[in-house]
Amino acid sequence: YADRHNEFVRHYALKLGKLGNGWWFDSCGRQDDAAWQKEMDACRAGN
């Protein structure tokens, strides 16, 4: 699931490109830095 959700984010990040300057995720829970980094990498796919 986590990889599929990252793909959901990555898809939209690529669509936006440089129009997307950032992301704000709500209601998050704890996880390790490697998992956080994968999410951040997906967010930066287009910028």
ModelCIF file with pLDDT and N, C-alpha, C, O atoms, coordinates in Angstrom:
data_MODEL
#
_entry.id   MODEL 
#
_entity.id                         1 
_entity.type                       polymer 
_entity.pdbx_number_of_molecules   1 
#
_entity_poly.entity_id                      1 
_entity_poly.type                           'polypeptide(L)' 
_entity_poly.nstd_linkage                   no 
_entity_poly.nstd_monomer                   no 
_entity_poly.pdbx_seq_one_letter_code       YADRHNEFVRHYALKLGKLGNGWWFDSCGRQDDAAWQKEMDACRAGN 
_entity_poly.pdbx_seq_one_letter_code_can   YADRHNEFVRHYALKLGKLGNGWWFDSCGRQDDAAWQKEMDACRAGN 
_entity_poly.pdbx_strand_id                 A 
#
loop_
_entity_poly_seq.entity_id 
_entity_poly_seq.num 
_entity_poly_seq.mon_id 
_entity_poly_seq.hetero 
1 1  TYR n 
1 2  ALA n 
1 3  ASP n 
1 4  ARG n 
1 5  HIS n 
1 6  ASN n 
1 7  GLU n 
1 8  PHE n 
1 9  VAL n 
1 10 ARG n 
1 11 HIS n 
1 12 TYR n 
1 13 ALA n 
1 14 LEU n 
1 15 LYS n 
1 16 LEU n 
1 17 GLY n 
1 18 LYS n 
1 19 LEU n 
1 20 GLY n 
1 21 ASN n 
1 22 GLY n 
1 23 TRP n 
1 24 TRP n 
1 25 PHE n 
1 26 ASP n 
1 27 SER n 
1 28 CYS n 
1 29 GLY n 
1 30 ARG n 
1 31 GLN n 
1 32 ASP n 
1 33 ASP n 
1 34 ALA n 
1 35 ALA n 
1 36 TRP n 
1 37 GLN n 
1 38 LYS n 
1 39 GLU n 
1 40 MET n 
1 41 ASP n 
1 42 ALA n 
1 43 CYS n 
1 44 ARG n 
1 45 ALA n 
1 46 GLY n 
1 47 ASN n 
#
_struct_asym.id          A 
_struct_asym.entity_id   1 
#
loop_
_ma_qa_metric.id 
_ma_qa_metric.mode 
_ma_qa_metric.name 
_ma_qa_metric.software_group_id 
_ma_qa_metric.type 
1 global pLDDT . pLDDT 
2 local  pLDDT . pLDDT 
#
_ma_qa_metric_global.metric_id      1 
_ma_qa_metric_global.metric_value   97.15 
_ma_qa_metric_global.model_id       1 
_ma_qa_metric_global.ordinal_id     1 
#
loop_
_ma_qa_metric_local.label_asym_id 
_ma_qa_metric_local.label_comp_id 
_ma_qa_metric_local.label_seq_id 
_ma_qa_metric_local.metric_id 
_ma_qa_metric_local.metric_value 
_ma_qa_metric_local.model_id 
_ma_qa_metric_local.ordinal_id 
A TYR 1  2 97.00 1 1  
A ALA 2  2 97.00 1 2  
A ASP 3  2 98.00 1 3  
A ARG 4  2 98.00 1 4  
A HIS 5  2 98.00 1 5  
A ASN 6  2 98.00 1 6  
A GLU 7  2 98.00 1 7  
A PHE 8  2 98.00 1 8  
A VAL 9  2 98.00 1 9  
A ARG 10 2 98.00 1 10 
A HIS 11 2 98.00 1 11 
A TYR 12 2 98.00 1 12 
A ALA 13 2 98.00 1 13 
A LEU 14 2 98.00 1 14 
A LYS 15 2 97.00 1 15 
A LEU 16 2 98.00 1 16 
A GLY 17 2 98.00 1 17 
A LYS 18 2 98.00 1 18 
A LEU 19 2 98.00 1 19 
A GLY 20 2 98.00 1 20 
A ASN 21 2 98.00 1 21 
A GLY 22 2 98.00 1 22 
A TRP 23 2 98.00 1 23 
A TRP 24 2 98.00 1 24 
A PHE 25 2 97.00 1 25 
A ASP 26 2 95.00 1 26 
A SER 27 2 91.00 1 27 
A CYS 28 2 93.00 1 28 
A GLY 29 2 90.00 1 29 
A ARG 30 2 91.00 1 30 
A GLN 31 2 95.00 1 31 
A ASP 32 2 96.00 1 32 
A ASP 33 2 97.00 1 33 
A ALA 34 2 98.00 1 34 
A ALA 35 2 98.00 1 35 
A TRP 36 2 98.00 1 36 
A GLN 37 2 98.00 1 37 
A LYS 38 2 98.00 1 38 
A GLU 39 2 98.00 1 39 
A MET 40 2 98.00 1 40 
A ASP 41 2 98.00 1 41 
A ALA 42 2 98.00 1 42 
A CYS 43 2 98.00 1 43 
A ARG 44 2 98.00 1 44 
A ALA 45 2 98.00 1 45 
A GLY 46 2 98.00 1 46 
A ASN 47 2 98.00 1 47 
#
loop_
_atom_site.group_PDB 
_atom_site.id 
_atom_site.type_symbol 
_atom_site.label_atom_id 
_atom_site.label_alt_id 
_atom_site.label_comp_id 
_atom_site.label_asym_id 
_atom_site.label_entity_id 
_atom_site.label_seq_id 
_atom_site.pdbx_PDB_ins_code 
_atom_site.Cartn_x 
_atom_site.Cartn_y 
_atom_site.Cartn_z 
_atom_site.occupancy 
_atom_site.B_iso_or_equiv 
_atom_site.pdbx_formal_charge 
_atom_site.auth_seq_id 
_atom_site.auth_comp_id 
_atom_site.auth_asym_id 
_atom_site.auth_atom_id 
_atom_site.pdbx_PDB_model_num 
ATOM 1   N N  . TYR A 1 1  ? 0.815  -1.219 0.000   1.00 97.00 ? 1  TYR A N  1 
ATOM 2   C CA . TYR A 1 1  ? 0.000  0.000  0.000   1.00 97.00 ? 1  TYR A CA 1 
ATOM 3   C C  . TYR A 1 1  ? 0.844  1.263  0.000   1.00 97.00 ? 1  TYR A C  1 
ATOM 4   O O  . TYR A 1 1  ? 0.560  2.189  -0.759  1.00 97.00 ? 1  TYR A O  1 
ATOM 5   N N  . ALA A 1 2  ? 1.872  1.323  0.830   1.00 97.00 ? 2  ALA A N  1 
ATOM 6   C CA . ALA A 1 2  ? 2.684  2.537  0.931   1.00 97.00 ? 2  ALA A CA 1 
ATOM 7   C C  . ALA A 1 2  ? 3.273  2.911  -0.421  1.00 97.00 ? 2  ALA A C  1 
ATOM 8   O O  . ALA A 1 2  ? 3.292  4.084  -0.793  1.00 97.00 ? 2  ALA A O  1 
ATOM 9   N N  . ASP A 1 3  ? 3.753  1.912  -1.157  1.00 98.00 ? 3  ASP A N  1 
ATOM 10  C CA . ASP A 1 3  ? 4.313  2.183  -2.485  1.00 98.00 ? 3  ASP A CA 1 
ATOM 11  C C  . ASP A 1 3  ? 3.230  2.683  -3.440  1.00 98.00 ? 3  ASP A C  1 
ATOM 12  O O  . ASP A 1 3  ? 3.483  3.571  -4.254  1.00 98.00 ? 3  ASP A O  1 
ATOM 13  N N  . ARG A 1 4  ? 2.035  2.121  -3.343  1.00 98.00 ? 4  ARG A N  1 
ATOM 14  C CA . ARG A 1 4  ? 0.943  2.579  -4.207  1.00 98.00 ? 4  ARG A CA 1 
ATOM 15  C C  . ARG A 1 4  ? 0.532  4.008  -3.871  1.00 98.00 ? 4  ARG A C  1 
ATOM 16  O O  . ARG A 1 4  ? 0.214  4.797  -4.760  1.00 98.00 ? 4  ARG A O  1 
ATOM 17  N N  . HIS A 1 5  ? 0.542  4.329  -2.588  1.00 98.00 ? 5  HIS A N  1 
ATOM 18  C CA . HIS A 1 5  ? 0.204  5.713  -2.211  1.00 98.00 ? 5  HIS A CA 1 
ATOM 19  C C  . HIS A 1 5  ? 1.284  6.674  -2.690  1.00 98.00 ? 5  HIS A C  1 
ATOM 20  O O  . HIS A 1 5  ? 0.981  7.778  -3.141  1.00 98.00 ? 5  HIS A O  1 
ATOM 21  N N  . ASN A 1 6  ? 2.532  6.260  -2.593  1.00 98.00 ? 6  ASN A N  1 
ATOM 22  C CA . ASN A 1 6  ? 3.610  7.109  -3.116  1.00 98.00 ? 6  ASN A CA 1 
ATOM 23  C C  . ASN A 1 6  ? 3.446  7.326  -4.617  1.00 98.00 ? 6  ASN A C  1 
ATOM 24  O O  . ASN A 1 6  ? 3.748  8.408  -5.120  1.00 98.00 ? 6  ASN A O  1 
ATOM 25  N N  . GLU A 1 7  ? 2.974  6.316  -5.334  1.00 98.00 ? 7  GLU A N  1 
ATOM 26  C CA . GLU A 1 7  ? 2.743  6.465  -6.769  1.00 98.00 ? 7  GLU A CA 1 
ATOM 27  C C  . GLU A 1 7  ? 1.583  7.433  -7.030  1.00 98.00 ? 7  GLU A C  1 
ATOM 28  O O  . GLU A 1 7  ? 1.615  8.195  -7.996  1.00 98.00 ? 7  GLU A O  1 
ATOM 29  N N  . PHE A 1 8  ? 0.568  7.403  -6.178  1.00 98.00 ? 8  PHE A N  1 
ATOM 30  C CA . PHE A 1 8  ? -0.542 8.361  -6.250  1.00 98.00 ? 8  PHE A CA 1 
ATOM 31  C C  . PHE A 1 8  ? -0.014 9.788  -6.140  1.00 98.00 ? 8  PHE A C  1 
ATOM 32  O O  . PHE A 1 8  ? -0.400 10.665 -6.913  1.00 98.00 ? 8  PHE A O  1 
ATOM 33  N N  . VAL A 1 9  ? 0.872  10.009 -5.173  1.00 98.00 ? 9  VAL A N  1 
ATOM 34  C CA . VAL A 1 9  ? 1.463  11.344 -4.989  1.00 98.00 ? 9  VAL A CA 1 
ATOM 35  C C  . VAL A 1 9  ? 2.391  11.682 -6.150  1.00 98.00 ? 9  VAL A C  1 
ATOM 36  O O  . VAL A 1 9  ? 2.345  12.790 -6.684  1.00 98.00 ? 9  VAL A O  1 
ATOM 37  N N  . ARG A 1 10 ? 3.237  10.723 -6.542  1.00 98.00 ? 10 ARG A N  1 
ATOM 38  C CA . ARG A 1 10 ? 4.205  10.959 -7.621  1.00 98.00 ? 10 ARG A CA 1 
ATOM 39  C C  . ARG A 1 10 ? 3.490  11.332 -8.923  1.00 98.00 ? 10 ARG A C  1 
ATOM 40  O O  . ARG A 1 10 ? 3.930  12.226 -9.646  1.00 98.00 ? 10 ARG A O  1 
ATOM 41  N N  . HIS A 1 11 ? 2.402  10.653 -9.209  1.00 98.00 ? 11 HIS A N  1 
ATOM 42  C CA . HIS A 1 11 ? 1.644  10.940 -10.427 1.00 98.00 ? 11 HIS A CA 1 
ATOM 43  C C  . HIS A 1 11 ? 1.211  12.404 -10.455 1.00 98.00 ? 11 HIS A C  1 
ATOM 44  O O  . HIS A 1 11 ? 1.352  13.082 -11.472 1.00 98.00 ? 11 HIS A O  1 
ATOM 45  N N  . TYR A 1 12 ? 0.684  12.883 -9.331  1.00 98.00 ? 12 TYR A N  1 
ATOM 46  C CA . TYR A 1 12 ? 0.207  14.266 -9.317  1.00 98.00 ? 12 TYR A CA 1 
ATOM 47  C C  . TYR A 1 12 ? 1.374  15.254 -9.289  1.00 98.00 ? 12 TYR A C  1 
ATOM 48  O O  . TYR A 1 12 ? 1.283  16.336 -9.869  1.00 98.00 ? 12 TYR A O  1 
ATOM 49  N N  . ALA A 1 13 ? 2.455  14.892 -8.627  1.00 98.00 ? 13 ALA A N  1 
ATOM 50  C CA . ALA A 1 13 ? 3.634  15.758 -8.619  1.00 98.00 ? 13 ALA A CA 1 
ATOM 51  C C  . ALA A 1 13 ? 4.183  15.937 -10.029 1.00 98.00 ? 13 ALA A C  1 
ATOM 52  O O  . ALA A 1 13 ? 4.581  17.039 -10.406 1.00 98.00 ? 13 ALA A O  1 
ATOM 53  N N  . LEU A 1 14 ? 4.207  14.856 -10.808 1.00 98.00 ? 14 LEU A N  1 
ATOM 54  C CA . LEU A 1 14 ? 4.686  14.948 -12.189 1.00 98.00 ? 14 LEU A CA 1 
ATOM 55  C C  . LEU A 1 14 ? 3.736  15.790 -13.042 1.00 98.00 ? 14 LEU A C  1 
ATOM 56  O O  . LEU A 1 14 ? 4.183  16.554 -13.897 1.00 98.00 ? 14 LEU A O  1 
ATOM 57  N N  . LYS A 1 15 ? 2.436  15.654 -12.813 1.00 97.00 ? 15 LYS A N  1 
ATOM 58  C CA . LYS A 1 15 ? 1.465  16.458 -13.548 1.00 97.00 ? 15 LYS A CA 1 
ATOM 59  C C  . LYS A 1 15 ? 1.686  17.952 -13.290 1.00 97.00 ? 15 LYS A C  1 
ATOM 60  O O  . LYS A 1 15 ? 1.649  18.760 -14.218 1.00 97.00 ? 15 LYS A O  1 
ATOM 61  N N  . LEU A 1 16 ? 1.915  18.309 -12.031 1.00 98.00 ? 16 LEU A N  1 
ATOM 62  C CA . LEU A 1 16 ? 2.081  19.714 -11.662 1.00 98.00 ? 16 LEU A CA 1 
ATOM 63  C C  . LEU A 1 16 ? 3.430  20.273 -12.097 1.00 98.00 ? 16 LEU A C  1 
ATOM 64  O O  . LEU A 1 16 ? 3.519  21.436 -12.490 1.00 98.00 ? 16 LEU A O  1 
ATOM 65  N N  . GLY A 1 17 ? 4.474  19.463 -12.033 1.00 98.00 ? 17 GLY A N  1 
ATOM 66  C CA . GLY A 1 17 ? 5.816  19.956 -12.350 1.00 98.00 ? 17 GLY A CA 1 
ATOM 67  C C  . GLY A 1 17 ? 6.189  21.118 -11.447 1.00 98.00 ? 17 GLY A C  1 
ATOM 68  O O  . GLY A 1 17 ? 5.988  21.064 -10.234 1.00 98.00 ? 17 GLY A O  1 
ATOM 69  N N  . LYS A 1 18 ? 6.732  22.167 -12.044 1.00 98.00 ? 18 LYS A N  1 
ATOM 70  C CA . LYS A 1 18 ? 7.189  23.312 -11.260 1.00 98.00 ? 18 LYS A CA 1 
ATOM 71  C C  . LYS A 1 18 ? 6.036  24.150 -10.705 1.00 98.00 ? 18 LYS A C  1 
ATOM 72  O O  . LYS A 1 18 ? 6.265  25.065 -9.915  1.00 98.00 ? 18 LYS A O  1 
ATOM 73  N N  . LEU A 1 19 ? 4.790  23.844 -11.113 1.00 98.00 ? 19 LEU A N  1 
ATOM 74  C CA . LEU A 1 19 ? 3.634  24.539 -10.517 1.00 98.00 ? 19 LEU A CA 1 
ATOM 75  C C  . LEU A 1 19 ? 3.398  24.096 -9.081  1.00 98.00 ? 19 LEU A C  1 
ATOM 76  O O  . LEU A 1 19 ? 2.749  24.806 -8.312  1.00 98.00 ? 19 LEU A O  1 
ATOM 77  N N  . GLY A 1 20 ? 3.921  22.922 -8.709  1.00 98.00 ? 20 GLY A N  1 
ATOM 78  C CA . GLY A 1 20 ? 3.764  22.416 -7.352  1.00 98.00 ? 20 GLY A CA 1 
ATOM 79  C C  . GLY A 1 20 ? 4.977  22.753 -6.513  1.00 98.00 ? 20 GLY A C  1 
ATOM 80  O O  . GLY A 1 20 ? 6.034  22.144 -6.673  1.00 98.00 ? 20 GLY A O  1 
ATOM 81  N N  . ASN A 1 21 ? 4.834  23.714 -5.624  1.00 98.00 ? 21 ASN A N  1 
ATOM 82  C CA . ASN A 1 21 ? 5.967  24.158 -4.806  1.00 98.00 ? 21 ASN A CA 1 
ATOM 83  C C  . ASN A 1 21 ? 6.090  23.440 -3.479  1.00 98.00 ? 21 ASN A C  1 
ATOM 84  O O  . ASN A 1 21 ? 7.091  23.582 -2.776  1.00 98.00 ? 21 ASN A O  1 
ATOM 85  N N  . GLY A 1 22 ? 5.053  22.655 -3.131  1.00 98.00 ? 22 GLY A N  1 
ATOM 86  C CA . GLY A 1 22 ? 5.151  21.956 -1.861  1.00 98.00 ? 22 GLY A CA 1 
ATOM 87  C C  . GLY A 1 22 ? 3.946  21.086 -1.585  1.00 98.00 ? 22 GLY A C  1 
ATOM 88  O O  . GLY A 1 22 ? 2.960  21.082 -2.322  1.00 98.00 ? 22 GLY A O  1 
ATOM 89  N N  . TRP A 1 23 ? 4.065  20.337 -0.476  1.00 98.00 ? 23 TRP A N  1 
ATOM 90  C CA . TRP A 1 23 ? 3.023  19.411 -0.029  1.00 98.00 ? 23 TRP A CA 1 
ATOM 91  C C  . TRP A 1 23 ? 2.813  19.556 1.465   1.00 98.00 ? 23 TRP A C  1 
ATOM 92  O O  . TRP A 1 23 ? 3.752  19.819 2.216   1.00 98.00 ? 23 TRP A O  1 
ATOM 93  N N  . TRP A 1 24 ? 1.560  19.381 1.889   1.00 98.00 ? 24 TRP A N  1 
ATOM 94  C CA . TRP A 1 24 ? 1.184  19.442 3.315   1.00 98.00 ? 24 TRP A CA 1 
ATOM 95  C C  . TRP A 1 24 ? 0.299  18.236 3.594   1.00 98.00 ? 24 TRP A C  1 
ATOM 96  O O  . TRP A 1 24 ? -0.840 18.179 3.130   1.00 98.00 ? 24 TRP A O  1 
ATOM 97  N N  . PHE A 1 25 ? 0.826  17.256 4.362   1.00 97.00 ? 25 PHE A N  1 
ATOM 98  C CA . PHE A 1 25 ? 0.091  16.024 4.658   1.00 97.00 ? 25 PHE A CA 1 
ATOM 99  C C  . PHE A 1 25 ? -0.535 16.097 6.050   1.00 97.00 ? 25 PHE A C  1 
ATOM 100 O O  . PHE A 1 25 ? 0.115  16.502 7.013   1.00 97.00 ? 25 PHE A O  1 
ATOM 101 N N  . ASP A 1 26 ? -1.794 15.702 6.141   1.00 95.00 ? 26 ASP A N  1 
ATOM 102 C CA . ASP A 1 26 ? -2.556 15.802 7.387   1.00 95.00 ? 26 ASP A CA 1 
ATOM 103 C C  . ASP A 1 26 ? -2.684 14.443 8.071   1.00 95.00 ? 26 ASP A C  1 
ATOM 104 O O  . ASP A 1 26 ? -2.633 13.392 7.432   1.00 95.00 ? 26 ASP A O  1 
ATOM 105 N N  . SER A 1 27 ? -2.852 14.501 9.404   1.00 91.00 ? 27 SER A N  1 
ATOM 106 C CA . SER A 1 27 ? -3.181 13.315 10.214  1.00 91.00 ? 27 SER A CA 1 
ATOM 107 C C  . SER A 1 27 ? -2.176 12.190 10.017  1.00 91.00 ? 27 SER A C  1 
ATOM 108 O O  . SER A 1 27 ? -2.559 11.040 9.802   1.00 91.00 ? 27 SER A O  1 
ATOM 109 N N  . CYS A 1 28 ? -0.906 12.515 10.090  1.00 93.00 ? 28 CYS A N  1 
ATOM 110 C CA . CYS A 1 28 ? 0.146  11.519 9.880   1.00 93.00 ? 28 CYS A CA 1 
ATOM 111 C C  . CYS A 1 28 ? 0.495  10.804 11.185  1.00 93.00 ? 28 CYS A C  1 
ATOM 112 O O  . CYS A 1 28 ? 0.261  11.328 12.274  1.00 93.00 ? 28 CYS A O  1 
ATOM 113 N N  . GLY A 1 29 ? 1.055  9.605  11.061  1.00 90.00 ? 29 GLY A N  1 
ATOM 114 C CA . GLY A 1 29 ? 1.538  8.849  12.208  1.00 90.00 ? 29 GLY A CA 1 
ATOM 115 C C  . GLY A 1 29 ? 3.030  8.620  12.109  1.00 90.00 ? 29 GLY A C  1 
ATOM 116 O O  . GLY A 1 29 ? 3.652  8.939  11.096  1.00 90.00 ? 29 GLY A O  1 
ATOM 117 N N  . ARG A 1 30 ? 3.594  8.072  13.154  1.00 91.00 ? 30 ARG A N  1 
ATOM 118 C CA . ARG A 1 30 ? 5.043  7.878  13.212  1.00 91.00 ? 30 ARG A CA 1 
ATOM 119 C C  . ARG A 1 30 ? 5.494  6.793  12.231  1.00 91.00 ? 30 ARG A C  1 
ATOM 120 O O  . ARG A 1 30 ? 4.793  5.807  12.006  1.00 91.00 ? 30 ARG A O  1 
ATOM 121 N N  . GLN A 1 31 ? 6.678  7.000  11.655  1.00 95.00 ? 31 GLN A N  1 
ATOM 122 C CA . GLN A 1 31 ? 7.332  5.974  10.853  1.00 95.00 ? 31 GLN A CA 1 
ATOM 123 C C  . GLN A 1 31 ? 8.822  6.306  10.798  1.00 95.00 ? 31 GLN A C  1 
ATOM 124 O O  . GLN A 1 31 ? 9.234  7.366  11.269  1.00 95.00 ? 31 GLN A O  1 
ATOM 125 N N  . ASP A 1 32 ? 9.628  5.420  10.235  1.00 96.00 ? 32 ASP A N  1 
ATOM 126 C CA . ASP A 1 32 ? 11.072 5.674  10.232  1.00 96.00 ? 32 ASP A CA 1 
ATOM 127 C C  . ASP A 1 32 ? 11.452 6.618  9.094   1.00 96.00 ? 32 ASP A C  1 
ATOM 128 O O  . ASP A 1 32 ? 10.668 6.878  8.182   1.00 96.00 ? 32 ASP A O  1 
ATOM 129 N N  . ASP A 1 33 ? 12.686 7.122  9.182   1.00 97.00 ? 33 ASP A N  1 
ATOM 130 C CA . ASP A 1 33 ? 13.137 8.131  8.224   1.00 97.00 ? 33 ASP A CA 1 
ATOM 131 C C  . ASP A 1 33 ? 13.145 7.610  6.791   1.00 97.00 ? 33 ASP A C  1 
ATOM 132 O O  . ASP A 1 33 ? 12.914 8.376  5.856   1.00 97.00 ? 33 ASP A O  1 
ATOM 133 N N  . ALA A 1 34 ? 13.408 6.314  6.606   1.00 98.00 ? 34 ALA A N  1 
ATOM 134 C CA . ALA A 1 34 ? 13.429 5.756  5.251   1.00 98.00 ? 34 ALA A CA 1 
ATOM 135 C C  . ALA A 1 34 ? 12.047 5.858  4.608   1.00 98.00 ? 34 ALA A C  1 
ATOM 136 O O  . ALA A 1 34 ? 11.936 6.174  3.423   1.00 98.00 ? 34 ALA A O  1 
ATOM 137 N N  . ALA A 1 35 ? 11.000 5.593  5.379   1.00 98.00 ? 35 ALA A N  1 
ATOM 138 C CA . ALA A 1 35 ? 9.638  5.703  4.850   1.00 98.00 ? 35 ALA A CA 1 
ATOM 139 C C  . ALA A 1 35 ? 9.280  7.157  4.573   1.00 98.00 ? 35 ALA A C  1 
ATOM 140 O O  . ALA A 1 35 ? 8.662  7.465  3.553   1.00 98.00 ? 35 ALA A O  1 
ATOM 141 N N  . TRP A 1 36 ? 9.669  8.056  5.486   1.00 98.00 ? 36 TRP A N  1 
ATOM 142 C CA . TRP A 1 36 ? 9.444  9.494  5.236   1.00 98.00 ? 36 TRP A CA 1 
ATOM 143 C C  . TRP A 1 36 ? 10.129 9.913  3.950   1.00 98.00 ? 36 TRP A C  1 
ATOM 144 O O  . TRP A 1 36 ? 9.554  10.642 3.143   1.00 98.00 ? 36 TRP A O  1 
ATOM 145 N N  . GLN A 1 37 ? 11.371 9.448  3.754   1.00 98.00 ? 37 GLN A N  1 
ATOM 146 C CA . GLN A 1 37 ? 12.145 9.867  2.588   1.00 98.00 ? 37 GLN A CA 1 
ATOM 147 C C  . GLN A 1 37 ? 11.492 9.398  1.297   1.00 98.00 ? 37 GLN A C  1 
ATOM 148 O O  . GLN A 1 37 ? 11.498 10.128 0.306   1.00 98.00 ? 37 GLN A O  1 
ATOM 149 N N  . LYS A 1 38 ? 10.932 8.197  1.290   1.00 98.00 ? 38 LYS A N  1 
ATOM 150 C CA . LYS A 1 38 ? 10.243 7.712  0.086   1.00 98.00 ? 38 LYS A CA 1 
ATOM 151 C C  . LYS A 1 38 ? 9.064  8.613  -0.262  1.00 98.00 ? 38 LYS A C  1 
ATOM 152 O O  . LYS A 1 38 ? 8.829  8.911  -1.433  1.00 98.00 ? 38 LYS A O  1 
ATOM 153 N N  . GLU A 1 39 ? 8.323  9.047  0.757   1.00 98.00 ? 39 GLU A N  1 
ATOM 154 C CA . GLU A 1 39 ? 7.198  9.955  0.504   1.00 98.00 ? 39 GLU A CA 1 
ATOM 155 C C  . GLU A 1 39 ? 7.694  11.293 -0.041  1.00 98.00 ? 39 GLU A C  1 
ATOM 156 O O  . GLU A 1 39 ? 7.112  11.845 -0.975  1.00 98.00 ? 39 GLU A O  1 
ATOM 157 N N  . MET A 1 40 ? 8.765  11.805 0.546   1.00 98.00 ? 40 MET A N  1 
ATOM 158 C CA . MET A 1 40 ? 9.295  13.089 0.099   1.00 98.00 ? 40 MET A CA 1 
ATOM 159 C C  . MET A 1 40 ? 9.826  13.005 -1.330  1.00 98.00 ? 40 MET A C  1 
ATOM 160 O O  . MET A 1 40 ? 9.678  13.946 -2.110  1.00 98.00 ? 40 MET A O  1 
ATOM 161 N N  . ASP A 1 41 ? 10.441 11.884 -1.667  1.00 98.00 ? 41 ASP A N  1 
ATOM 162 C CA . ASP A 1 41 ? 10.930 11.692 -3.033  1.00 98.00 ? 41 ASP A CA 1 
ATOM 163 C C  . ASP A 1 41 ? 9.770  11.703 -4.028  1.00 98.00 ? 41 ASP A C  1 
ATOM 164 O O  . ASP A 1 41 ? 9.888  12.273 -5.112  1.00 98.00 ? 41 ASP A O  1 
ATOM 165 N N  . ALA A 1 42 ? 8.645  11.071 -3.661  1.00 98.00 ? 42 ALA A N  1 
ATOM 166 C CA . ALA A 1 42 ? 7.468  11.082 -4.535  1.00 98.00 ? 42 ALA A CA 1 
ATOM 167 C C  . ALA A 1 42 ? 6.957  12.505 -4.723  1.00 98.00 ? 42 ALA A C  1 
ATOM 168 O O  . ALA A 1 42 ? 6.574  12.888 -5.828  1.00 98.00 ? 42 ALA A O  1 
ATOM 169 N N  . CYS A 1 43 ? 6.952  13.281 -3.654  1.00 98.00 ? 43 CYS A N  1 
ATOM 170 C CA . CYS A 1 43 ? 6.484  14.663 -3.726  1.00 98.00 ? 43 CYS A CA 1 
ATOM 171 C C  . CYS A 1 43 ? 7.343  15.520 -4.658  1.00 98.00 ? 43 CYS A C  1 
ATOM 172 O O  . CYS A 1 43 ? 6.852  16.470 -5.268  1.00 98.00 ? 43 CYS A O  1 
ATOM 173 N N  . ARG A 1 44 ? 8.624  15.177 -4.761  1.00 98.00 ? 44 ARG A N  1 
ATOM 174 C CA . ARG A 1 44 ? 9.564  15.991 -5.540  1.00 98.00 ? 44 ARG A CA 1 
ATOM 175 C C  . ARG A 1 44 ? 9.766  15.461 -6.962  1.00 98.00 ? 44 ARG A C  1 
ATOM 176 O O  . ARG A 1 44 ? 10.673 15.901 -7.668  1.00 98.00 ? 44 ARG A O  1 
ATOM 177 N N  . ALA A 1 45 ? 8.920  14.517 -7.376  1.00 98.00 ? 45 ALA A N  1 
ATOM 178 C CA . ALA A 1 45 ? 9.105  13.911 -8.697  1.00 98.00 ? 45 ALA A CA 1 
ATOM 179 C C  . ALA A 1 45 ? 8.989  14.929 -9.820  1.00 98.00 ? 45 ALA A C  1 
ATOM 180 O O  . ALA A 1 45 ? 9.664  14.796 -10.841 1.00 98.00 ? 45 ALA A O  1 
ATOM 181 N N  . GLY A 1 46 ? 8.150  15.939 -9.655  1.00 98.00 ? 46 GLY A N  1 
ATOM 182 C CA . GLY A 1 46 ? 7.972  16.945 -10.697 1.00 98.00 ? 46 GLY A CA 1 
ATOM 183 C C  . GLY A 1 46 ? 8.715  18.226 -10.442 1.00 98.00 ? 46 GLY A C  1 
ATOM 184 O O  . GLY A 1 46 ? 8.872  19.046 -11.346 1.00 98.00 ? 46 GLY A O  1 
ATOM 185 N N  . ASN A 1 47 ? 9.178  18.415 -9.215  1.00 98.00 ? 47 ASN A N  1 
ATOM 186 C CA . ASN A 1 47 ? 9.900  19.629 -8.841  1.00 98.00 ? 47 ASN A CA 1 
ATOM 187 C C  . ASN A 1 47 ? 10.851 19.283 -7.701  1.00 98.00 ? 47 ASN A C  1 
ATOM 188 O O  . ASN A 1 47 ? 11.572 20.153 -7.213  1.00 98.00 ? 47 ASN A O  1 
#
